[in-house]
Amino acid sequence: MAVSRCTTQPQLNVTSMTCTTVDVFETGMKLATGMAIPVATRLRLRLDVGLLIDDESQDFVDSTRMFELDF
């Protein structure tokens, strides 16, 4: 995970950190990290796992809107 934009603490911009998945929901996921992240900070998340999404699935379009996927 990396800080993409933090207006309250600009020194955090482009800071990389590790995180752990706490829970996954239909509408997103909850992550934990050892670093305090100010409210309204924009983060970039890159998943280093295999993600199996069937392009014929009815959820395919919603999945591509929710996540920036590299194909």
PDB file of N, CA and C in Angstrom:
ATOM      1  N   MET A   1       0.859  -1.144   0.000  1.00  0.00           N
ATOM      2  CA  MET A   1       0.000   0.000   0.000  1.00  0.00           C
ATOM      3  C   MET A   1       0.915   1.219   0.000  1.00  0.00           C
ATOM      4  N   ALA A   2       0.468   2.284  -0.658  1.00  0.00           N
ATOM      5  CA  ALA A   2       1.251   3.511  -0.697  1.00  0.00           C
ATOM      6  C   ALA A   2       0.324   4.716  -0.597  1.00  0.00           C
ATOM      7  N   VAL A   3       0.820   5.777   0.002  1.00  0.00           N
ATOM      8  CA  VAL A   3       0.049   7.017   0.090  1.00  0.00           C
ATOM      9  C   VAL A   3       0.130   7.708  -1.259  1.00  0.00           C
ATOM     10  N   SER A   4      -1.012   7.956  -1.835  1.00  0.00           N
ATOM     11  CA  SER A   4      -1.088   8.636  -3.122  1.00  0.00           C
ATOM     12  C   SER A   4      -1.239  10.148  -2.931  1.00  0.00           C
ATOM     13  N   ARG A   5      -2.088  10.528  -1.967  1.00  0.00           N
ATOM     14  CA  ARG A   5      -2.292  11.956  -1.707  1.00  0.00           C
ATOM     15  C   ARG A   5      -2.737  12.152  -0.259  1.00  0.00           C
ATOM     16  N   CYS A   6      -1.983  12.962   0.454  1.00  0.00           N
ATOM     17  CA  CYS A   6      -2.330  13.314   1.832  1.00  0.00           C
ATOM     18  C   CYS A   6      -2.168  14.821   1.974  1.00  0.00           C
ATOM     19  N   THR A   7      -3.286  15.534   2.038  1.00  0.00           N
ATOM     20  CA  THR A   7      -3.220  17.000   2.097  1.00  0.00           C
ATOM     21  C   THR A   7      -2.825  17.515   3.478  1.00  0.00           C
ATOM     22  N   THR A   8      -3.171  16.779   4.535  1.00  0.00           N
ATOM     23  CA  THR A   8      -2.853  17.253   5.886  1.00  0.00           C
ATOM     24  C   THR A   8      -1.405  16.984   6.280  1.00  0.00           C
ATOM     25  N   GLN A   9      -0.786  15.941   5.688  1.00  0.00           N
ATOM     26  CA  GLN A   9       0.619  15.626   5.955  1.00  0.00           C
ATOM     27  C   GLN A   9       1.300  15.269   4.633  1.00  0.00           C
ATOM     28  N   PRO A  10       1.602  16.279   3.805  1.00  0.00           N
ATOM     29  CA  PRO A  10       2.163  16.005   2.473  1.00  0.00           C
ATOM     30  C   PRO A  10       3.477  15.225   2.495  1.00  0.00           C
ATOM     31  N   GLN A  11       4.187  15.221   3.617  1.00  0.00           N
ATOM     32  CA  GLN A  11       5.433  14.452   3.706  1.00  0.00           C
ATOM     33  C   GLN A  11       5.166  12.942   3.595  1.00  0.00           C
ATOM     34  N   LEU A  12       3.918  12.532   3.771  1.00  0.00           N
ATOM     35  CA  LEU A  12       3.572  11.114   3.643  1.00  0.00           C
ATOM     36  C   LEU A  12       3.366  10.690   2.181  1.00  0.00           C
ATOM     37  N   ASN A  13       3.201  11.653   1.275  1.00  0.00           N
ATOM     38  CA  ASN A  13       2.965  11.312  -0.129  1.00  0.00           C
ATOM     39  C   ASN A  13       4.075  10.401  -0.646  1.00  0.00           C
ATOM     40  N   VAL A  14       3.703   9.364  -1.348  1.00  0.00           N
ATOM     41  CA  VAL A  14       4.566   8.345  -1.947  1.00  0.00           C
ATOM     42  C   VAL A  14       5.215   7.435  -0.893  1.00  0.00           C
ATOM     43  N   THR A  15       4.738   7.464   0.342  1.00  0.00           N
ATOM     44  CA  THR A  15       5.223   6.560   1.380  1.00  0.00           C
ATOM     45  C   THR A  15       4.615   5.175   1.158  1.00  0.00           C
ATOM     46  N   SER A  16       5.452   4.162   1.168  1.00  0.00           N
ATOM     47  CA  SER A  16       4.980   2.785   1.028  1.00  0.00           C
ATOM     48  C   SER A  16       4.906   2.127   2.397  1.00  0.00           C
ATOM     49  N   MET A  17       3.971   1.194   2.547  1.00  0.00           N
ATOM     50  CA  MET A  17       3.825   0.475   3.810  1.00  0.00           C
ATOM     51  C   MET A  17       3.213  -0.892   3.538  1.00  0.00           C
ATOM     52  N   THR A  18       3.364  -1.775   4.458  1.00  0.00           N
ATOM     53  CA  THR A  18       2.709  -3.073   4.356  1.00  0.00           C
ATOM     54  C   THR A  18       1.416  -3.031   5.150  1.00  0.00           C
ATOM     55  N   CYS A  19       0.514  -3.907   4.792  1.00  0.00           N
ATOM     56  CA  CYS A  19      -0.759  -3.973   5.511  1.00  0.00           C
ATOM     57  C   CYS A  19      -1.234  -5.420   5.537  1.00  0.00           C
ATOM     58  N   THR A  20      -2.191  -5.673   6.407  1.00  0.00           N
ATOM     59  CA  THR A  20      -2.767  -6.997   6.570  1.00  0.00           C
ATOM     60  C   THR A  20      -4.264  -6.901   6.387  1.00  0.00           C
ATOM     61  N   THR A  21      -4.849  -7.835   5.669  1.00  0.00           N
ATOM     62  CA  THR A  21      -6.292  -7.869   5.509  1.00  0.00           C
ATOM     63  C   THR A  21      -6.927  -8.321   6.817  1.00  0.00           C
ATOM     64  N   VAL A  22      -7.879  -7.534   7.306  1.00  0.00           N
ATOM     65  CA  VAL A  22      -8.589  -7.859   8.535  1.00  0.00           C
ATOM     66  C   VAL A  22      -9.916  -8.533   8.208  1.00  0.00           C
ATOM     67  N   ASP A  23     -10.612  -7.994   7.223  1.00  0.00           N
ATOM     68  CA  ASP A  23     -11.910  -8.545   6.827  1.00  0.00           C
ATOM     69  C   ASP A  23     -12.197  -8.133   5.391  1.00  0.00           C
ATOM     70  N   VAL A  24     -12.977  -8.946   4.702  1.00  0.00           N
ATOM     71  CA  VAL A  24     -13.371  -8.658   3.318  1.00  0.00           C
ATOM     72  C   VAL A  24     -14.881  -8.669   3.247  1.00  0.00           C
ATOM     73  N   PHE A  25     -15.433  -7.645   2.619  1.00  0.00           N
ATOM     74  CA  PHE A  25     -16.866  -7.498   2.478  1.00  0.00           C
ATOM     75  C   PHE A  25     -17.232  -7.453   1.007  1.00  0.00           C
ATOM     76  N   GLU A  26     -18.493  -7.515   0.701  1.00  0.00           N
ATOM     77  CA  GLU A  26     -18.955  -7.394  -0.680  1.00  0.00           C
ATOM     78  C   GLU A  26     -18.607  -6.023  -1.253  1.00  0.00           C
ATOM     79  N   THR A  27     -18.562  -5.010  -0.409  1.00  0.00           N
ATOM     80  CA  THR A  27     -18.326  -3.642  -0.869  1.00  0.00           C
ATOM     81  C   THR A  27     -16.897  -3.156  -0.659  1.00  0.00           C
ATOM     82  N   GLY A  28     -16.017  -3.987  -0.146  1.00  0.00           N
ATOM     83  CA  GLY A  28     -14.637  -3.566   0.057  1.00  0.00           C
ATOM     84  C   GLY A  28     -13.916  -4.451   1.042  1.00  0.00           C
ATOM     85  N   MET A  29     -12.818  -3.938   1.585  1.00  0.00           N
ATOM     86  CA  MET A  29     -12.065  -4.705   2.563  1.00  0.00           C
ATOM     87  C   MET A  29     -11.506  -3.790   3.632  1.00  0.00           C
ATOM     88  N   LYS A  30     -11.279  -4.362   4.813  1.00  0.00           N
ATOM     89  CA  LYS A  30     -10.721  -3.633   5.938  1.00  0.00           C
ATOM     90  C   LYS A  30      -9.273  -4.076   6.098  1.00  0.00           C
ATOM     91  N   LEU A  31      -8.358  -3.104   6.153  1.00  0.00           N
ATOM     92  CA  LEU A  31      -6.937  -3.382   6.259  1.00  0.00           C
ATOM     93  C   LEU A  31      -6.384  -2.792   7.544  1.00  0.00           C
ATOM     94  N   ALA A  32      -5.300  -3.359   8.035  1.00  0.00           N
ATOM     95  CA  ALA A  32      -4.609  -2.837   9.212  1.00  0.00           C
ATOM     96  C   ALA A  32      -3.147  -2.601   8.858  1.00  0.00           C
ATOM     97  N   THR A  33      -2.600  -1.510   9.388  1.00  0.00           N
ATOM     98  CA  THR A  33      -1.187  -1.199   9.213  1.00  0.00           C
ATOM     99  C   THR A  33      -0.660  -0.600  10.508  1.00  0.00           C
ATOM    100  N   GLY A  34       0.626  -0.638  10.711  1.00  0.00           N
ATOM    101  CA  GLY A  34       1.215  -0.110  11.932  1.00  0.00           C
ATOM    102  C   GLY A  34       1.424   1.390  11.899  1.00  0.00           C
ATOM    103  N   MET A  35       1.024   2.044  10.828  1.00  0.00           N
ATOM    104  CA  MET A  35       1.236   3.483  10.654  1.00  0.00           C
ATOM    105  C   MET A  35      -0.095   4.221  10.723  1.00  0.00           C
ATOM    106  N   ALA A  36      -0.137   5.342  11.409  1.00  0.00           N
ATOM    107  CA  ALA A  36      -1.355   6.154  11.459  1.00  0.00           C
ATOM    108  C   ALA A  36      -1.554   6.850  10.110  1.00  0.00           C
ATOM    109  N   ILE A  37      -2.756   6.740   9.585  1.00  0.00           N
ATOM    110  CA  ILE A  37      -3.084   7.348   8.292  1.00  0.00           C
ATOM    111  C   ILE A  37      -4.178   8.387   8.526  1.00  0.00           C
ATOM    112  N   PRO A  38      -3.909   9.656   8.210  1.00  0.00           N
ATOM    113  CA  PRO A  38      -4.915  10.691   8.432  1.00  0.00           C
ATOM    114  C   PRO A  38      -6.194  10.447   7.625  1.00  0.00           C
ATOM    115  N   VAL A  39      -7.315  10.919   8.162  1.00  0.00           N
ATOM    116  CA  VAL A  39      -8.602  10.825   7.473  1.00  0.00           C
ATOM    117  C   VAL A  39      -8.500  11.557   6.135  1.00  0.00           C
ATOM    118  N   ALA A  40      -9.184  11.031   5.123  1.00  0.00           N
ATOM    119  CA  ALA A  40      -9.250  11.599   3.763  1.00  0.00           C
ATOM    120  C   ALA A  40      -7.955  11.432   2.977  1.00  0.00           C
ATOM    121  N   THR A  41      -7.067  10.559   3.434  1.00  0.00           N
ATOM    122  CA  THR A  41      -5.846  10.257   2.687  1.00  0.00           C
ATOM    123  C   THR A  41      -6.180   9.260   1.592  1.00  0.00           C
ATOM    124  N   ARG A  42      -5.698   9.505   0.384  1.00  0.00           N
ATOM    125  CA  ARG A  42      -5.919   8.580  -0.718  1.00  0.00           C
ATOM    126  C   ARG A  42      -4.758   7.591  -0.759  1.00  0.00           C
ATOM    127  N   LEU A  43      -5.106   6.306  -0.796  1.00  0.00           N
ATOM    128  CA  LEU A  43      -4.111   5.232  -0.793  1.00  0.00           C
ATOM    129  C   LEU A  43      -4.169   4.445  -2.095  1.00  0.00           C
ATOM    130  N   ARG A  44      -3.051   3.862  -2.467  1.00  0.00           N
ATOM    131  CA  ARG A  44      -2.996   2.926  -3.589  1.00  0.00           C
ATOM    132  C   ARG A  44      -2.702   1.556  -3.008  1.00  0.00           C
ATOM    133  N   LEU A  45      -3.427   0.583  -3.486  1.00  0.00           N
ATOM    134  CA  LEU A  45      -3.265  -0.775  -2.985  1.00  0.00           C
ATOM    135  C   LEU A  45      -2.955  -1.696  -4.152  1.00  0.00           C
ATOM    136  N   ARG A  46      -1.895  -2.447  -4.019  1.00  0.00           N
ATOM    137  CA  ARG A  46      -1.538  -3.427  -5.043  1.00  0.00           C
ATOM    138  C   ARG A  46      -1.597  -4.804  -4.403  1.00  0.00           C
ATOM    139  N   LEU A  47      -2.397  -5.667  -4.976  1.00  0.00           N
ATOM    140  CA  LEU A  47      -2.546  -7.024  -4.456  1.00  0.00           C
ATOM    141  C   LEU A  47      -1.508  -7.916  -5.114  1.00  0.00           C
ATOM    142  N   ASP A  48      -0.721  -8.585  -4.306  1.00  0.00           N
ATOM    143  CA  ASP A  48       0.291  -9.506  -4.804  1.00  0.00           C
ATOM    144  C   ASP A  48      -0.184 -10.947  -4.669  1.00  0.00           C
ATOM    145  N   VAL A  49      -1.420 -11.176  -5.049  1.00  0.00           N
ATOM    146  CA  VAL A  49      -1.993 -12.515  -5.002  1.00  0.00           C
ATOM    147  C   VAL A  49      -2.681 -12.784  -6.331  1.00  0.00           C
ATOM    148  N   GLY A  50      -2.860 -14.030  -6.629  1.00  0.00           N
ATOM    149  CA  GLY A  50      -3.619 -14.378  -7.823  1.00  0.00           C
ATOM    150  C   GLY A  50      -5.082 -14.057  -7.592  1.00  0.00           C
ATOM    151  N   LEU A  51      -5.683 -13.347  -8.495  1.00  0.00           N
ATOM    152  CA  LEU A  51      -7.081 -12.964  -8.372  1.00  0.00           C
ATOM    153  C   LEU A  51      -7.814 -13.569  -9.557  1.00  0.00           C
ATOM    154  N   LEU A  52      -8.678 -14.516  -9.273  1.00  0.00           N
ATOM    155  CA  LEU A  52      -9.393 -15.209 -10.330  1.00  0.00           C
ATOM    156  C   LEU A  52     -10.746 -14.540 -10.539  1.00  0.00           C
ATOM    157  N   ILE A  53     -10.882 -13.844 -11.662  1.00  0.00           N
ATOM    158  CA  ILE A  53     -12.146 -13.204 -12.013  1.00  0.00           C
ATOM    159  C   ILE A  53     -12.530 -13.708 -13.393  1.00  0.00           C
ATOM    160  N   ASP A  54     -13.640 -14.365 -13.462  1.00  0.00           N
ATOM    161  CA  ASP A  54     -14.144 -14.885 -14.726  1.00  0.00           C
ATOM    162  C   ASP A  54     -14.726 -13.726 -15.527  1.00  0.00           C
ATOM    163  N   ASP A  55     -14.185 -13.459 -16.724  1.00  0.00           N
ATOM    164  CA  ASP A  55     -14.674 -12.328 -17.514  1.00  0.00           C
ATOM    165  C   ASP A  55     -16.096 -12.532 -18.036  1.00  0.00           C
ATOM    166  N   GLU A  56     -16.653 -13.718 -17.831  1.00  0.00           N
ATOM    167  CA  GLU A  56     -18.050 -13.978 -18.180  1.00  0.00           C
ATOM    168  C   GLU A  56     -18.976 -13.798 -16.975  1.00  0.00           C
ATOM    169  N   SER A  57     -18.387 -13.529 -15.808  1.00  0.00           N
ATOM    170  CA  SER A  57     -19.172 -13.381 -14.583  1.00  0.00           C
ATOM    171  C   SER A  57     -19.968 -12.084 -14.592  1.00  0.00           C
ATOM    172  N   GLN A  58     -21.147 -12.107 -13.992  1.00  0.00           N
ATOM    173  CA  GLN A  58     -21.950 -10.885 -13.890  1.00  0.00           C
ATOM    174  C   GLN A  58     -21.288  -9.856 -12.977  1.00  0.00           C
ATOM    175  N   ASP A  59     -20.328 -10.279 -12.145  1.00  0.00           N
ATOM    176  CA  ASP A  59     -19.627  -9.368 -11.246  1.00  0.00           C
ATOM    177  C   ASP A  59     -18.370  -8.763 -11.860  1.00  0.00           C
ATOM    178  N   PHE A  60     -18.018  -9.148 -13.088  1.00  0.00           N
ATOM    179  CA  PHE A  60     -16.772  -8.720 -13.698  1.00  0.00           C
ATOM    180  C   PHE A  60     -16.675  -7.197 -13.806  1.00  0.00           C
ATOM    181  N   VAL A  61     -17.709  -6.550 -14.329  1.00  0.00           N
ATOM    182  CA  VAL A  61     -17.675  -5.094 -14.515  1.00  0.00           C
ATOM    183  C   VAL A  61     -17.561  -4.387 -13.172  1.00  0.00           C
ATOM    184  N   ASP A  62     -18.345  -4.824 -12.172  1.00  0.00           N
ATOM    185  CA  ASP A  62     -18.264  -4.211 -10.844  1.00  0.00           C
ATOM    186  C   ASP A  62     -16.877  -4.388 -10.230  1.00  0.00           C
ATOM    187  N   SER A  63     -16.260  -5.537 -10.439  1.00  0.00           N
ATOM    188  CA  SER A  63     -14.923  -5.786  -9.893  1.00  0.00           C
ATOM    189  C   SER A  63     -13.897  -4.862 -10.525  1.00  0.00           C
ATOM    190  N   THR A  64     -13.997  -4.632 -11.819  1.00  0.00           N
ATOM    191  CA  THR A  64     -13.028  -3.758 -12.482  1.00  0.00           C
ATOM    192  C   THR A  64     -13.244  -2.300 -12.100  1.00  0.00           C
ATOM    193  N   ARG A  65     -14.456  -1.935 -11.713  1.00  0.00           N
ATOM    194  CA  ARG A  65     -14.702  -0.567 -11.249  1.00  0.00           C
ATOM    195  C   ARG A  65     -14.189  -0.368  -9.823  1.00  0.00           C
ATOM    196  N   MET A  66     -14.281  -1.415  -8.995  1.00  0.00           N
ATOM    197  CA  MET A  66     -13.875  -1.311  -7.598  1.00  0.00           C
ATOM    198  C   MET A  66     -12.355  -1.295  -7.461  1.00  0.00           C
ATOM    199  N   PHE A  67     -11.654  -2.054  -8.319  1.00  0.00           N
ATOM    200  CA  PHE A  67     -10.214  -2.190  -8.227  1.00  0.00           C
ATOM    201  C   PHE A  67      -9.559  -1.802  -9.544  1.00  0.00           C
ATOM    202  N   GLU A  68      -8.356  -1.240  -9.465  1.00  0.00           N
ATOM    203  CA  GLU A  68      -7.564  -1.009 -10.667  1.00  0.00           C
ATOM    204  C   GLU A  68      -6.821  -2.301 -10.934  1.00  0.00           C
ATOM    205  N   LEU A  69      -7.235  -3.007 -11.965  1.00  0.00           N
ATOM    206  CA  LEU A  69      -6.683  -4.326 -12.247  1.00  0.00           C
ATOM    207  C   LEU A  69      -5.708  -4.283 -13.410  1.00  0.00           C
ATOM    208  N   ASP A  70      -4.598  -4.987 -13.279  1.00  0.00           N
ATOM    209  CA  ASP A  70      -3.643  -5.141 -14.377  1.00  0.00           C
ATOM    210  C   ASP A  70      -3.936  -6.459 -15.075  1.00  0.00           C
ATOM    211  N   PHE A  71      -4.270  -6.403 -16.347  1.00  0.00           N
ATOM    212  CA  PHE A  71      -4.528  -7.619 -17.113  1.00  0.00           C
ATOM    213  C   PHE A  71      -3.408  -7.866 -18.077  1.00  0.00           C
TER     214      PHE A  71
END
